[in-house]
Amino acid sequence: AFSGELGAVSVDFGSIFATTEKLVVALPFLNEL
């Protein structure tokens, strides 16, 4: 998972999940995986 902060502002850049068979990406601006 990637994130950041600028002062009091917190930012979620999203997460990447992996297994030996697949990648799954969760992005902060999309409801769908």
ModelCIF file with pLDDT and N, C-alpha, C, O atoms, coordinates in Angstrom:
data_MODEL
#
_entry.id   MODEL 
#
_entity.id                         1 
_entity.type                       polymer 
_entity.pdbx_number_of_molecules   1 
#
_entity_poly.entity_id                      1 
_entity_poly.type                           'polypeptide(L)' 
_entity_poly.nstd_linkage                   no 
_entity_poly.nstd_monomer                   no 
_entity_poly.pdbx_seq_one_letter_code       AFSGELGAVSVDFGSIFATTEKLVVALPFLNEL 
_entity_poly.pdbx_seq_one_letter_code_can   AFSGELGAVSVDFGSIFATTEKLVVALPFLNEL 
_entity_poly.pdbx_strand_id                 A 
#
loop_
_entity_poly_seq.entity_id 
_entity_poly_seq.num 
_entity_poly_seq.mon_id 
_entity_poly_seq.hetero 
1 1  ALA n 
1 2  PHE n 
1 3  SER n 
1 4  GLY n 
1 5  GLU n 
1 6  LEU n 
1 7  GLY n 
1 8  ALA n 
1 9  VAL n 
1 10 SER n 
1 11 VAL n 
1 12 ASP n 
1 13 PHE n 
1 14 GLY n 
1 15 SER n 
1 16 ILE n 
1 17 PHE n 
1 18 ALA n 
1 19 THR n 
1 20 THR n 
1 21 GLU n 
1 22 LYS n 
1 23 LEU n 
1 24 VAL n 
1 25 VAL n 
1 26 ALA n 
1 27 LEU n 
1 28 PRO n 
1 29 PHE n 
1 30 LEU n 
1 31 ASN n 
1 32 GLU n 
1 33 LEU n 
#
_struct_asym.id          A 
_struct_asym.entity_id   1 
#
loop_
_ma_qa_metric.id 
_ma_qa_metric.mode 
_ma_qa_metric.name 
_ma_qa_metric.software_group_id 
_ma_qa_metric.type 
1 global pLDDT . pLDDT 
2 local  pLDDT . pLDDT 
#
_ma_qa_metric_global.metric_id      1 
_ma_qa_metric_global.metric_value   95.61 
_ma_qa_metric_global.model_id       1 
_ma_qa_metric_global.ordinal_id     1 
#
loop_
_ma_qa_metric_local.label_asym_id 
_ma_qa_metric_local.label_comp_id 
_ma_qa_metric_local.label_seq_id 
_ma_qa_metric_local.metric_id 
_ma_qa_metric_local.metric_value 
_ma_qa_metric_local.model_id 
_ma_qa_metric_local.ordinal_id 
A ALA 1  2 98.00 1 1  
A PHE 2  2 98.00 1 2  
A SER 3  2 97.00 1 3  
A GLY 4  2 96.00 1 4  
A GLU 5  2 94.00 1 5  
A LEU 6  2 91.00 1 6  
A GLY 7  2 87.00 1 7  
A ALA 8  2 88.00 1 8  
A VAL 9  2 91.00 1 9  
A SER 10 2 94.00 1 10 
A VAL 11 2 95.00 1 11 
A ASP 12 2 96.00 1 12 
A PHE 13 2 97.00 1 13 
A GLY 14 2 97.00 1 14 
A SER 15 2 98.00 1 15 
A ILE 16 2 98.00 1 16 
A PHE 17 2 98.00 1 17 
A ALA 18 2 97.00 1 18 
A THR 19 2 97.00 1 19 
A THR 20 2 95.00 1 20 
A GLU 21 2 96.00 1 21 
A LYS 22 2 97.00 1 22 
A LEU 23 2 97.00 1 23 
A VAL 24 2 98.00 1 24 
A VAL 25 2 98.00 1 25 
A ALA 26 2 97.00 1 26 
A LEU 27 2 97.00 1 27 
A PRO 28 2 96.00 1 28 
A PHE 29 2 95.00 1 29 
A LEU 30 2 96.00 1 30 
A ASN 31 2 94.00 1 31 
A GLU 32 2 95.00 1 32 
A LEU 33 2 97.00 1 33 
#
loop_
_atom_site.group_PDB 
_atom_site.id 
_atom_site.type_symbol 
_atom_site.label_atom_id 
_atom_site.label_alt_id 
_atom_site.label_comp_id 
_atom_site.label_asym_id 
_atom_site.label_entity_id 
_atom_site.label_seq_id 
_atom_site.pdbx_PDB_ins_code 
_atom_site.Cartn_x 
_atom_site.Cartn_y 
_atom_site.Cartn_z 
_atom_site.occupancy 
_atom_site.B_iso_or_equiv 
_atom_site.pdbx_formal_charge 
_atom_site.auth_seq_id 
_atom_site.auth_comp_id 
_atom_site.auth_asym_id 
_atom_site.auth_atom_id 
_atom_site.pdbx_PDB_model_num 
ATOM 1   N N  . ALA A 1 1  ? 0.846   -1.197  0.000   1.00 98.00 ? 1  ALA A N  1 
ATOM 2   C CA . ALA A 1 1  ? 0.000   0.000   0.000   1.00 98.00 ? 1  ALA A CA 1 
ATOM 3   C C  . ALA A 1 1  ? 0.879   1.244   0.000   1.00 98.00 ? 1  ALA A C  1 
ATOM 4   O O  . ALA A 1 1  ? 1.900   1.296   0.685   1.00 98.00 ? 1  ALA A O  1 
ATOM 5   N N  . PHE A 1 2  ? 0.469   2.248   -0.779  1.00 98.00 ? 2  PHE A N  1 
ATOM 6   C CA . PHE A 1 2  ? 1.235   3.490   -0.904  1.00 98.00 ? 2  PHE A CA 1 
ATOM 7   C C  . PHE A 1 2  ? 0.395   4.661   -0.399  1.00 98.00 ? 2  PHE A C  1 
ATOM 8   O O  . PHE A 1 2  ? -0.795  4.761   -0.697  1.00 98.00 ? 2  PHE A O  1 
ATOM 9   N N  . SER A 1 3  ? 1.030   5.536   0.363   1.00 97.00 ? 3  SER A N  1 
ATOM 10  C CA . SER A 1 3  ? 0.332   6.713   0.890   1.00 97.00 ? 3  SER A CA 1 
ATOM 11  C C  . SER A 1 3  ? 1.331   7.833   1.105   1.00 97.00 ? 3  SER A C  1 
ATOM 12  O O  . SER A 1 3  ? 2.536   7.651   0.934   1.00 97.00 ? 3  SER A O  1 
ATOM 13  N N  . GLY A 1 4  ? 0.810   9.004   1.487   1.00 96.00 ? 4  GLY A N  1 
ATOM 14  C CA . GLY A 1 4  ? 1.690   10.141  1.727   1.00 96.00 ? 4  GLY A CA 1 
ATOM 15  C C  . GLY A 1 4  ? 1.023   11.183  2.599   1.00 96.00 ? 4  GLY A C  1 
ATOM 16  O O  . GLY A 1 4  ? -0.188  11.159  2.819   1.00 96.00 ? 4  GLY A O  1 
ATOM 17  N N  . GLU A 1 5  ? 1.835   12.088  3.085   1.00 94.00 ? 5  GLU A N  1 
ATOM 18  C CA . GLU A 1 5  ? 1.322   13.197  3.899   1.00 94.00 ? 5  GLU A CA 1 
ATOM 19  C C  . GLU A 1 5  ? 2.023   14.493  3.512   1.00 94.00 ? 5  GLU A C  1 
ATOM 20  O O  . GLU A 1 5  ? 3.228   14.513  3.263   1.00 94.00 ? 5  GLU A O  1 
ATOM 21  N N  . LEU A 1 6  ? 1.255   15.564  3.468   1.00 91.00 ? 6  LEU A N  1 
ATOM 22  C CA . LEU A 1 6  ? 1.816   16.907  3.331   1.00 91.00 ? 6  LEU A CA 1 
ATOM 23  C C  . LEU A 1 6  ? 1.190   17.738  4.437   1.00 91.00 ? 6  LEU A C  1 
ATOM 24  O O  . LEU A 1 6  ? 0.064   18.216  4.304   1.00 91.00 ? 6  LEU A O  1 
ATOM 25  N N  . GLY A 1 7  ? 1.917   17.909  5.521   1.00 87.00 ? 7  GLY A N  1 
ATOM 26  C CA . GLY A 1 7  ? 1.358   18.561  6.691   1.00 87.00 ? 7  GLY A CA 1 
ATOM 27  C C  . GLY A 1 7  ? 0.219   17.732  7.248   1.00 87.00 ? 7  GLY A C  1 
ATOM 28  O O  . GLY A 1 7  ? 0.409   16.577  7.630   1.00 87.00 ? 7  GLY A O  1 
ATOM 29  N N  . ALA A 1 8  ? -0.979  18.327  7.293   1.00 88.00 ? 8  ALA A N  1 
ATOM 30  C CA . ALA A 1 8  ? -2.147  17.642  7.838   1.00 88.00 ? 8  ALA A CA 1 
ATOM 31  C C  . ALA A 1 8  ? -2.930  16.892  6.768   1.00 88.00 ? 8  ALA A C  1 
ATOM 32  O O  . ALA A 1 8  ? -3.923  16.233  7.078   1.00 88.00 ? 8  ALA A O  1 
ATOM 33  N N  . VAL A 1 9  ? -2.495  16.983  5.509   1.00 91.00 ? 9  VAL A N  1 
ATOM 34  C CA . VAL A 1 9  ? -3.200  16.330  4.409   1.00 91.00 ? 9  VAL A CA 1 
ATOM 35  C C  . VAL A 1 9  ? -2.649  14.917  4.208   1.00 91.00 ? 9  VAL A C  1 
ATOM 36  O O  . VAL A 1 9  ? -1.454  14.730  3.979   1.00 91.00 ? 9  VAL A O  1 
ATOM 37  N N  . SER A 1 10 ? -3.537  13.933  4.297   1.00 94.00 ? 10 SER A N  1 
ATOM 38  C CA . SER A 1 10 ? -3.146  12.545  4.073   1.00 94.00 ? 10 SER A CA 1 
ATOM 39  C C  . SER A 1 10 ? -3.661  12.084  2.709   1.00 94.00 ? 10 SER A C  1 
ATOM 40  O O  . SER A 1 10 ? -4.776  12.420  2.309   1.00 94.00 ? 10 SER A O  1 
ATOM 41  N N  . VAL A 1 11 ? -2.848  11.321  2.011   1.00 95.00 ? 11 VAL A N  1 
ATOM 42  C CA . VAL A 1 11 ? -3.194  10.871  0.664   1.00 95.00 ? 11 VAL A CA 1 
ATOM 43  C C  . VAL A 1 11 ? -3.036  9.358   0.577   1.00 95.00 ? 11 VAL A C  1 
ATOM 44  O O  . VAL A 1 11 ? -2.009  8.803   0.965   1.00 95.00 ? 11 VAL A O  1 
ATOM 45  N N  . ASP A 1 12 ? -4.080  8.698   0.056   1.00 96.00 ? 12 ASP A N  1 
ATOM 46  C CA . ASP A 1 12 ? -4.023  7.265   -0.215  1.00 96.00 ? 12 ASP A CA 1 
ATOM 47  C C  . ASP A 1 12 ? -3.815  7.080   -1.713  1.00 96.00 ? 12 ASP A C  1 
ATOM 48  O O  . ASP A 1 12 ? -4.663  7.482   -2.510  1.00 96.00 ? 12 ASP A O  1 
ATOM 49  N N  . PHE A 1 13 ? -2.696  6.474   -2.102  1.00 97.00 ? 13 PHE A N  1 
ATOM 50  C CA . PHE A 1 13 ? -2.405  6.275   -3.525  1.00 97.00 ? 13 PHE A CA 1 
ATOM 51  C C  . PHE A 1 13 ? -2.878  4.907   -4.027  1.00 97.00 ? 13 PHE A C  1 
ATOM 52  O O  . PHE A 1 13 ? -2.832  4.644   -5.229  1.00 97.00 ? 13 PHE A O  1 
ATOM 53  N N  . GLY A 1 14 ? -3.325  4.045   -3.131  1.00 97.00 ? 14 GLY A N  1 
ATOM 54  C CA . GLY A 1 14 ? -3.829  2.752   -3.557  1.00 97.00 ? 14 GLY A CA 1 
ATOM 55  C C  . GLY A 1 14 ? -3.002  1.584   -3.050  1.00 97.00 ? 14 GLY A C  1 
ATOM 56  O O  . GLY A 1 14 ? -1.951  1.761   -2.433  1.00 97.00 ? 14 GLY A O  1 
ATOM 57  N N  . SER A 1 15 ? -3.506  0.376   -3.328  1.00 98.00 ? 15 SER A N  1 
ATOM 58  C CA . SER A 1 15 ? -2.846  -0.848  -2.868  1.00 98.00 ? 15 SER A CA 1 
ATOM 59  C C  . SER A 1 15 ? -2.780  -1.868  -3.995  1.00 98.00 ? 15 SER A C  1 
ATOM 60  O O  . SER A 1 15 ? -3.652  -1.926  -4.862  1.00 98.00 ? 15 SER A O  1 
ATOM 61  N N  . ILE A 1 16 ? -1.723  -2.669  -3.957  1.00 98.00 ? 16 ILE A N  1 
ATOM 62  C CA . ILE A 1 16 ? -1.555  -3.764  -4.911  1.00 98.00 ? 16 ILE A CA 1 
ATOM 63  C C  . ILE A 1 16 ? -1.455  -5.061  -4.123  1.00 98.00 ? 16 ILE A C  1 
ATOM 64  O O  . ILE A 1 16 ? -0.665  -5.173  -3.185  1.00 98.00 ? 16 ILE A O  1 
ATOM 65  N N  . PHE A 1 17 ? -2.265  -6.041  -4.515  1.00 98.00 ? 17 PHE A N  1 
ATOM 66  C CA . PHE A 1 17 ? -2.248  -7.352  -3.885  1.00 98.00 ? 17 PHE A CA 1 
ATOM 67  C C  . PHE A 1 17 ? -1.767  -8.370  -4.918  1.00 98.00 ? 17 PHE A C  1 
ATOM 68  O O  . PHE A 1 17 ? -2.112  -8.280  -6.096  1.00 98.00 ? 17 PHE A O  1 
ATOM 69  N N  . ALA A 1 18 ? -0.974  -9.331  -4.472  1.00 97.00 ? 18 ALA A N  1 
ATOM 70  C CA . ALA A 1 18 ? -0.440  -10.314 -5.409  1.00 97.00 ? 18 ALA A CA 1 
ATOM 71  C C  . ALA A 1 18 ? -0.435  -11.701 -4.800  1.00 97.00 ? 18 ALA A C  1 
ATOM 72  O O  . ALA A 1 18 ? -0.181  -11.875 -3.608  1.00 97.00 ? 18 ALA A O  1 
ATOM 73  N N  . THR A 1 19 ? -0.721  -12.689 -5.643  1.00 97.00 ? 19 THR A N  1 
ATOM 74  C CA . THR A 1 19 ? -0.507  -14.095 -5.325  1.00 97.00 ? 19 THR A CA 1 
ATOM 75  C C  . THR A 1 19 ? 0.296   -14.673 -6.498  1.00 97.00 ? 19 THR A C  1 
ATOM 76  O O  . THR A 1 19 ? 0.698   -13.935 -7.398  1.00 97.00 ? 19 THR A O  1 
ATOM 77  N N  . THR A 1 20 ? 0.524   -15.963 -6.490  1.00 95.00 ? 20 THR A N  1 
ATOM 78  C CA . THR A 1 20 ? 1.248   -16.565 -7.607  1.00 95.00 ? 20 THR A CA 1 
ATOM 79  C C  . THR A 1 20 ? 0.393   -16.592 -8.880  1.00 95.00 ? 20 THR A C  1 
ATOM 80  O O  . THR A 1 20 ? 0.907   -16.835 -9.972  1.00 95.00 ? 20 THR A O  1 
ATOM 81  N N  . GLU A 1 21 ? -0.925  -16.339 -8.732  1.00 96.00 ? 21 GLU A N  1 
ATOM 82  C CA . GLU A 1 21 ? -1.835  -16.460 -9.870  1.00 96.00 ? 21 GLU A CA 1 
ATOM 83  C C  . GLU A 1 21 ? -2.394  -15.141 -10.372 1.00 96.00 ? 21 GLU A C  1 
ATOM 84  O O  . GLU A 1 21 ? -2.795  -15.047 -11.532 1.00 96.00 ? 21 GLU A O  1 
ATOM 85  N N  . LYS A 1 22 ? -2.429  -14.107 -9.514  1.00 97.00 ? 22 LYS A N  1 
ATOM 86  C CA . LYS A 1 22 ? -3.120  -12.885 -9.944  1.00 97.00 ? 22 LYS A CA 1 
ATOM 87  C C  . LYS A 1 22 ? -2.597  -11.647 -9.224  1.00 97.00 ? 22 LYS A C  1 
ATOM 88  O O  . LYS A 1 22 ? -1.974  -11.726 -8.165  1.00 97.00 ? 22 LYS A O  1 
ATOM 89  N N  . LEU A 1 23 ? -2.879  -10.494 -9.846  1.00 97.00 ? 23 LEU A N  1 
ATOM 90  C CA . LEU A 1 23 ? -2.693  -9.179  -9.248  1.00 97.00 ? 23 LEU A CA 1 
ATOM 91  C C  . LEU A 1 23 ? -4.066  -8.550  -9.057  1.00 97.00 ? 23 LEU A C  1 
ATOM 92  O O  . LEU A 1 23 ? -4.926  -8.645  -9.933  1.00 97.00 ? 23 LEU A O  1 
ATOM 93  N N  . VAL A 1 24 ? -4.270  -7.908  -7.909  1.00 98.00 ? 24 VAL A N  1 
ATOM 94  C CA . VAL A 1 24 ? -5.504  -7.169  -7.656  1.00 98.00 ? 24 VAL A CA 1 
ATOM 95  C C  . VAL A 1 24 ? -5.114  -5.772  -7.192  1.00 98.00 ? 24 VAL A C  1 
ATOM 96  O O  . VAL A 1 24 ? -4.303  -5.613  -6.279  1.00 98.00 ? 24 VAL A O  1 
ATOM 97  N N  . VAL A 1 25 ? -5.701  -4.762  -7.830  1.00 98.00 ? 25 VAL A N  1 
ATOM 98  C CA . VAL A 1 25 ? -5.344  -3.374  -7.521  1.00 98.00 ? 25 VAL A CA 1 
ATOM 99  C C  . VAL A 1 25 ? -6.565  -2.657  -6.974  1.00 98.00 ? 25 VAL A C  1 
ATOM 100 O O  . VAL A 1 25 ? -7.646  -2.723  -7.559  1.00 98.00 ? 25 VAL A O  1 
ATOM 101 N N  . ALA A 1 26 ? -6.392  -1.969  -5.846  1.00 97.00 ? 26 ALA A N  1 
ATOM 102 C CA . ALA A 1 26 ? -7.432  -1.130  -5.261  1.00 97.00 ? 26 ALA A CA 1 
ATOM 103 C C  . ALA A 1 26 ? -6.972  0.315   -5.337  1.00 97.00 ? 26 ALA A C  1 
ATOM 104 O O  . ALA A 1 26 ? -5.935  0.671   -4.776  1.00 97.00 ? 26 ALA A O  1 
ATOM 105 N N  . LEU A 1 27 ? -7.745  1.156   -6.035  1.00 97.00 ? 27 LEU A N  1 
ATOM 106 C CA . LEU A 1 27 ? -7.379  2.557   -6.223  1.00 97.00 ? 27 LEU A CA 1 
ATOM 107 C C  . LEU A 1 27 ? -8.360  3.451   -5.469  1.00 97.00 ? 27 LEU A C  1 
ATOM 108 O O  . LEU A 1 27 ? -9.539  3.113   -5.369  1.00 97.00 ? 27 LEU A O  1 
ATOM 109 N N  . PRO A 1 28 ? -7.898  4.588   -4.933  1.00 96.00 ? 28 PRO A N  1 
ATOM 110 C CA . PRO A 1 28 ? -8.758  5.432   -4.084  1.00 96.00 ? 28 PRO A CA 1 
ATOM 111 C C  . PRO A 1 28 ? -9.900  6.093   -4.850  1.00 96.00 ? 28 PRO A C  1 
ATOM 112 O O  . PRO A 1 28 ? -10.883 6.510   -4.238  1.00 96.00 ? 28 PRO A O  1 
ATOM 113 N N  . PHE A 1 29 ? -9.796  6.195   -6.158  1.00 95.00 ? 29 PHE A N  1 
ATOM 114 C CA . PHE A 1 29 ? -10.823 6.871   -6.950  1.00 95.00 ? 29 PHE A CA 1 
ATOM 115 C C  . PHE A 1 29 ? -11.771 5.900   -7.660  1.00 95.00 ? 29 PHE A C  1 
ATOM 116 O O  . PHE A 1 29 ? -12.656 6.332   -8.399  1.00 95.00 ? 29 PHE A O  1 
ATOM 117 N N  . LEU A 1 30 ? -11.594 4.593   -7.443  1.00 96.00 ? 30 LEU A N  1 
ATOM 118 C CA . LEU A 1 30 ? -12.468 3.596   -8.054  1.00 96.00 ? 30 LEU A CA 1 
ATOM 119 C C  . LEU A 1 30 ? -13.117 2.727   -6.988  1.00 96.00 ? 30 LEU A C  1 
ATOM 120 O O  . LEU A 1 30 ? -12.466 2.303   -6.033  1.00 96.00 ? 30 LEU A O  1 
ATOM 121 N N  . ASN A 1 31 ? -14.411 2.467   -7.165  1.00 94.00 ? 31 ASN A N  1 
ATOM 122 C CA . ASN A 1 31 ? -15.096 1.548   -6.259  1.00 94.00 ? 31 ASN A CA 1 
ATOM 123 C C  . ASN A 1 31 ? -14.783 0.097   -6.610  1.00 94.00 ? 31 ASN A C  1 
ATOM 124 O O  . ASN A 1 31 ? -14.787 -0.778  -5.744  1.00 94.00 ? 31 ASN A O  1 
ATOM 125 N N  . GLU A 1 32 ? -14.510 -0.147  -7.902  1.00 95.00 ? 32 GLU A N  1 
ATOM 126 C CA . GLU A 1 32 ? -14.246 -1.505  -8.358  1.00 95.00 ? 32 GLU A CA 1 
ATOM 127 C C  . GLU A 1 32 ? -12.781 -1.873  -8.150  1.00 95.00 ? 32 GLU A C  1 
ATOM 128 O O  . GLU A 1 32 ? -11.894 -1.021  -8.215  1.00 95.00 ? 32 GLU A O  1 
ATOM 129 N N  . LEU A 1 33 ? -12.548 -3.140  -7.903  1.00 97.00 ? 33 LEU A N  1 
ATOM 130 C CA . LEU A 1 33 ? -11.190 -3.669  -7.906  1.00 97.00 ? 33 LEU A CA 1 
ATOM 131 C C  . LEU A 1 33 ? -10.782 -3.995  -9.340  1.00 97.00 ? 33 LEU A C  1 
ATOM 132 O O  . LEU A 1 33 ? -9.665  -4.457  -9.574  1.00 97.00 ? 33 LEU A O  1 
#
